[in-house]
Protein backbone atom coordinates (compact mmCIF):
# COMPACT_ATOMS: atom_id res chain seq x y z
CA UNK A 1 -15.39 -20.94 7.67
CA UNK A 2 -18.21 -19.58 9.83
CA UNK A 3 -19.08 -16.12 11.13
CA UNK A 4 -18.62 -17.16 14.73
CA UNK A 5 -15.10 -18.41 13.99
CA UNK A 6 -14.11 -14.77 13.51
CA UNK A 7 -16.76 -12.41 14.92
CA UNK A 8 -17.67 -11.91 18.58
CA UNK A 9 -21.06 -13.31 19.56
CA UNK A 10 -22.49 -9.90 20.46
CA UNK A 11 -22.19 -8.84 16.81
CA UNK A 12 -23.08 -12.12 15.13
CA UNK A 13 -26.66 -11.15 14.12
CA UNK A 14 -26.28 -8.55 11.40
CA UNK A 15 -30.02 -7.86 11.30
CA UNK A 16 -29.86 -6.63 14.92
CA UNK A 17 -27.33 -3.98 13.89
CA UNK A 18 -29.13 -2.58 10.85
CA UNK A 19 -31.19 0.09 12.61
CA UNK A 20 -28.15 1.35 14.50
CA UNK A 21 -26.06 1.44 11.33
CA UNK A 22 -28.63 3.25 9.19
CA UNK A 23 -29.57 5.83 11.83
CA UNK A 24 -26.09 6.75 13.07
CA UNK A 25 -24.92 10.31 12.37
CA UNK A 26 -23.37 12.14 10.58
CA UNK A 27 -23.80 9.34 8.02
CA UNK A 28 -24.42 5.60 8.08
CA UNK A 29 -21.76 3.87 10.16
CA UNK A 30 -21.11 1.55 13.06
CA UNK A 31 -18.29 1.27 15.61
CA UNK A 32 -17.73 -2.24 16.98
CA UNK A 33 -15.23 -2.71 19.79
CA UNK A 34 -13.80 -6.19 20.36
CA UNK A 35 -15.33 -7.20 17.03
CA UNK A 36 -13.01 -10.07 16.13
CA UNK A 37 -11.81 -13.23 17.83
CA UNK A 38 -8.83 -11.89 19.87
CA UNK A 39 -6.76 -15.02 19.22
CA UNK A 40 -6.93 -14.39 15.47
CA UNK A 41 -6.32 -10.67 15.79
CA UNK A 42 -3.32 -11.06 18.10
CA UNK A 43 -1.61 -13.09 15.38
CA UNK A 44 -2.36 -10.36 12.83
CA UNK A 45 -0.98 -7.81 15.28
CA UNK A 46 2.22 -9.79 15.89
CA UNK A 47 2.88 -10.18 12.16
CA UNK A 48 2.18 -6.56 11.15
CA UNK A 49 5.38 -5.29 9.43
CA UNK A 50 7.05 -1.90 9.45
CA UNK A 51 5.64 -0.66 6.15
CA UNK A 52 8.69 1.51 5.49
CA UNK A 53 10.64 -1.75 4.99
CA UNK A 54 8.33 -3.74 2.71
CA UNK A 55 8.83 -4.03 -1.05
CA UNK A 56 5.26 -3.14 -2.03
CA UNK A 57 4.96 0.01 0.07
CA UNK A 58 3.17 3.12 -1.17
CA UNK A 59 4.37 6.29 0.52
CA UNK A 60 2.28 9.46 0.70
CA UNK A 61 4.09 12.62 1.73
CA UNK A 62 2.24 15.85 1.03
CA UNK A 63 0.23 18.47 2.89
CA UNK A 64 -2.95 16.34 2.77
CA UNK A 65 -1.61 12.93 3.74
CA UNK A 66 1.57 11.59 5.27
CA UNK A 67 1.25 7.84 5.57
CA UNK A 68 2.37 4.41 4.34
CA UNK A 69 0.30 1.67 2.74
CA UNK A 70 0.82 -1.76 1.23
CA UNK A 71 -0.04 -2.62 -2.36
CA UNK A 72 -1.85 -5.86 -3.13
CA UNK A 73 -1.21 -9.10 -1.22
CA UNK A 74 2.55 -9.42 -1.74
CA UNK A 75 3.53 -8.33 1.78
CA UNK A 76 0.38 -9.28 3.68
CA UNK A 77 1.25 -11.77 6.44
CA UNK A 78 -0.26 -15.30 6.60
CA UNK A 79 -2.62 -14.44 9.48
CA UNK A 80 -3.73 -11.18 7.87
CA UNK A 81 -4.26 -12.96 4.54
CA UNK A 82 -6.49 -15.50 6.27
CA UNK A 83 -8.50 -12.73 7.93
CA UNK A 84 -8.85 -10.73 4.71
CA UNK A 85 -9.96 -13.87 2.86
CA UNK A 86 -12.78 -14.18 5.37
CA UNK A 87 -13.67 -10.48 5.08
CA UNK A 88 -13.79 -10.84 1.28
CA UNK A 89 -15.89 -14.03 1.38
CA UNK A 90 -19.53 -14.50 0.43
CA UNK A 91 -20.28 -15.19 4.10
CA UNK A 92 -19.11 -11.76 5.24
CA UNK A 93 -20.46 -9.95 2.17
CA UNK A 94 -23.94 -11.23 2.96
CA UNK A 95 -23.43 -10.12 6.56
CA UNK A 96 -22.58 -6.60 5.31
CA UNK A 97 -25.58 -6.49 2.96
CA UNK A 98 -27.88 -7.40 5.83
CA UNK A 99 -26.34 -4.98 8.32
CA UNK A 100 -26.17 -1.95 6.00
CA UNK A 101 -29.43 -2.46 4.12
CA UNK A 102 -27.66 -2.01 0.79
CA UNK A 103 -29.82 -3.64 -1.88
CA UNK A 104 -27.15 -4.11 -4.53
CA UNK A 105 -24.95 -7.20 -4.22
CA UNK A 106 -21.67 -6.23 -2.55
CA UNK A 107 -18.40 -7.18 -4.22
CA UNK A 108 -15.05 -7.48 -2.46
CA UNK A 109 -11.77 -6.33 -4.00
CA UNK A 110 -9.19 -9.02 -4.85
CA UNK A 111 -6.72 -6.28 -5.80
CA UNK A 112 -6.90 -4.47 -2.44
CA UNK A 113 -6.89 -1.20 -4.39
CA UNK A 114 -6.18 1.41 -1.72
CA UNK A 115 -6.75 -1.25 0.93
CA UNK A 116 -4.58 -3.63 2.90
CA UNK A 117 -2.11 -2.46 5.54
CA UNK A 118 -2.07 1.23 6.51
CA UNK A 119 0.49 2.80 8.83
CA UNK A 120 1.00 6.36 10.04
CA UNK A 121 4.09 7.28 12.00
CA UNK A 122 4.87 10.26 14.24
CA UNK A 123 4.05 13.52 12.42
CA UNK A 124 1.77 11.72 9.97
CA UNK A 125 -1.67 12.98 9.03
CA UNK A 126 -4.70 12.26 6.89
CA UNK A 127 -6.72 15.39 6.21
CA UNK A 128 -10.49 15.40 5.98
CA UNK A 129 -11.69 13.81 2.74
CA UNK A 130 -14.32 11.80 0.92
CA UNK A 131 -12.93 8.71 -0.80
CA UNK A 132 -12.63 7.94 -4.50
CA UNK A 133 -15.99 6.63 -5.70
CA UNK A 134 -15.07 4.11 -8.43
CA UNK A 135 -12.81 1.08 -8.47
CA UNK A 136 -9.61 2.02 -10.33
CA UNK A 137 -9.49 -1.24 -12.34
CA UNK A 138 -13.15 -2.20 -12.77
CA UNK A 139 -16.40 -0.38 -13.46
CA UNK A 140 -17.66 -0.72 -9.90
CA UNK A 141 -19.12 1.76 -7.43
CA UNK A 142 -17.45 2.05 -4.04
CA UNK A 143 -20.03 1.54 -1.30
CA UNK A 144 -18.42 0.65 2.04
CA UNK A 145 -15.23 1.15 4.04
CA UNK A 146 -14.09 -1.27 6.72
CA UNK A 147 -11.32 -0.02 9.00
CA UNK A 148 -9.81 -2.38 11.54
CA UNK A 149 -7.44 -0.84 14.09
CA UNK A 150 -4.45 -2.72 15.53
CA UNK A 151 -3.06 -0.40 18.22
CA UNK A 152 -2.63 -1.64 21.78
CA UNK A 153 -2.32 0.85 24.67
CA UNK A 154 -3.18 3.78 22.40
CA UNK A 155 -3.02 7.18 24.12
CA UNK A 156 -5.67 9.62 22.90
CA UNK A 157 -3.26 12.51 23.54
CA UNK A 158 -1.29 11.23 20.54
CA UNK A 159 -4.15 12.26 18.22
CA UNK A 160 -4.96 9.83 15.42
CA UNK A 161 -8.64 9.34 16.20
CA UNK A 162 -10.85 8.74 13.18
CA UNK A 163 -13.14 11.76 12.85
CA UNK A 164 -16.45 11.69 10.97
CA UNK A 165 -17.84 15.00 9.74
CA UNK A 166 -21.20 16.38 8.76
CA UNK A 167 -20.82 17.88 5.27
CA UNK A 168 -22.42 21.11 6.58
CA UNK A 169 -19.91 21.51 9.41
CA UNK A 170 -16.30 20.73 8.55
CA UNK A 171 -14.83 22.60 11.52
CA UNK A 172 -15.78 20.13 14.27
CA UNK A 173 -16.15 16.35 14.02
CA UNK A 174 -19.55 14.85 14.68
CA UNK A 175 -17.85 11.80 16.18
CA UNK A 176 -14.30 10.87 17.11
CA UNK A 177 -13.19 7.22 17.31
CA UNK A 178 -9.94 6.19 19.00
CA UNK A 179 -7.93 3.73 16.83
CA UNK A 180 -7.75 1.14 19.58
CA UNK A 181 -6.95 -2.53 19.11
CA UNK A 182 -9.83 -4.65 17.76
CA UNK A 183 -12.03 -1.66 17.00
CA UNK A 184 -13.78 -2.09 13.66
CA UNK A 185 -15.47 0.83 11.93
CA UNK A 186 -17.71 0.29 8.91
CA UNK A 187 -19.28 3.20 7.06
CA UNK A 188 -21.05 4.07 3.84
CA UNK A 189 -18.90 5.66 1.15
CA UNK A 190 -20.44 8.53 -0.79
CA UNK A 191 -19.08 11.75 -2.24
CA UNK A 192 -20.03 13.61 0.95
CA UNK A 193 -18.99 11.16 3.68
CA UNK A 194 -16.09 13.20 5.02
CA UNK A 195 -13.64 11.66 7.46
CA UNK A 196 -9.96 11.54 8.42
CA UNK A 197 -7.62 12.60 11.20
CA UNK A 198 -6.51 16.15 10.40
CA UNK A 199 -4.12 16.66 13.34
CA UNK A 200 -0.58 15.31 13.13
CA UNK A 201 0.28 12.26 15.20
CA UNK A 202 2.17 12.97 18.41
CA UNK A 203 3.04 9.40 19.29
CA UNK A 204 6.56 8.30 20.30
CA UNK A 205 9.05 7.44 17.55
CA UNK A 206 8.73 3.73 18.28
CA UNK A 207 4.92 3.73 17.98
CA UNK A 208 2.74 4.00 14.87
CA UNK A 209 -0.96 4.02 14.03
CA UNK A 210 -1.69 0.70 12.31
CA UNK A 211 -4.81 -0.56 10.60
CA UNK A 212 -6.21 -2.79 7.89
CA UNK A 213 -8.57 -1.19 5.38
CA UNK A 214 -10.97 -3.00 3.09
CA UNK A 215 -13.35 -1.49 0.56
CA UNK A 216 -16.52 -2.98 -0.88
CA UNK A 217 -18.17 -2.24 -4.22
CA UNK A 218 -21.32 -2.86 -6.24
CA UNK A 219 -22.50 -2.73 -9.84
CA UNK A 220 -24.44 0.54 -9.77
CA UNK A 221 -25.84 2.42 -6.83
CA UNK A 222 -29.06 4.36 -6.03
CA UNK A 223 -29.61 7.29 -8.40
CA UNK A 224 -29.65 9.76 -5.51
CA UNK A 225 -26.05 8.79 -4.69
CA UNK A 226 -24.70 9.00 -8.24
CA UNK A 227 -21.95 11.51 -9.03
CA UNK A 228 -19.21 11.88 -11.60
CA UNK A 229 -16.14 9.70 -11.14
CA UNK A 230 -13.63 11.35 -8.85
CA UNK A 231 -10.46 10.62 -6.91
CA UNK A 232 -10.14 11.35 -3.19
CA UNK A 233 -11.79 14.70 -2.37
CA UNK A 234 -9.82 16.55 0.32
CA UNK A 235 -11.49 19.51 1.98
CA UNK A 236 -10.09 22.37 4.04
CA UNK A 237 -11.22 22.45 7.67
CA UNK A 238 -10.31 24.22 10.90
CA UNK A 239 -8.98 27.24 9.03
CA UNK A 240 -6.64 25.25 6.78
CA UNK A 241 -5.61 26.43 3.34
CA UNK A 242 -4.19 23.90 0.89
CA UNK A 243 -1.56 25.21 -1.51
CA UNK A 244 -2.54 25.66 -5.15
CA UNK A 245 0.19 23.27 -6.25
CA UNK A 246 -1.55 20.50 -4.31
CA UNK A 247 -4.84 21.26 -6.04
CA UNK A 248 -3.17 21.25 -9.46
CA UNK A 249 -1.55 17.91 -8.68
CA UNK A 250 -4.94 16.45 -7.83
CA UNK A 251 -6.44 17.79 -11.06
CA UNK A 252 -3.55 16.40 -13.07
CA UNK A 253 -3.99 12.99 -11.48
CA UNK A 254 -7.64 12.95 -12.58
CA UNK A 255 -6.90 14.26 -16.07
CA UNK A 256 -3.80 12.34 -17.21
CA UNK A 257 -3.36 8.56 -17.63
CA UNK A 258 -1.40 6.98 -14.72
CA UNK A 259 1.77 6.36 -16.76
CA UNK A 260 1.86 9.98 -17.98
CA UNK A 261 1.09 11.30 -14.50
CA UNK A 262 4.07 9.37 -13.07
CA UNK A 263 6.30 10.88 -15.76
CA UNK A 264 5.09 14.38 -14.94
CA UNK A 265 5.80 13.83 -11.24
CA UNK A 266 9.39 12.91 -12.01
CA UNK A 267 9.83 15.97 -14.21
CA UNK A 268 8.46 18.42 -11.63
CA UNK A 269 10.48 16.84 -8.80
């Protein structure tokens, strides 16, 4: 397993990308088009399932997010498993450390907590948010997101672009990235790195927005980045107003143990 088995030659030297990554606005990130070996990625594309039909699916259906995701490795295809194994390897972790300038040793997630396959169908949405900042199973700090898009012939009129926001201006994105095939976006995860796609998808019924998400962690982080443990922080933008029931649900999720929270959801449904 070597970097150049998977990554395009123009991105192979992580040290050449560090300055670009660190200095990008509105926060540290990089957008790499045609990042992976297309032969590998075409196999991942061909094997991507309809997430509404898999056994391990997680379905989100509320005013802040309407999407599908996989849970763990149970329904990850052979080609995607091989790719994720590479992305979770020491070889790629060292690549990420070099590119991002993060001093702490990066740790991949064997549980794919929140990661794996993501799919958003027509009418789906993911409102502007900053991600949860701690691993749900281990005492680790979340440091990086890797988003790999798997959408061929994507039409920008369908919406679905990943938008990155400056925390001081949540009405207009600082950058908008089309979720086109073999586009890889890596960005730093902090409590103020706001992103999402707040406008509902307008794609045809037979099309969906597909991606693979991976998250990377460390033991500790710089003091300036420290904050209390929190779940996903959704923020209102573009004149939106979230209902109070949604806010209470989020508070309950933070306050109650998972098993009790699931019981409460059933009661209130």
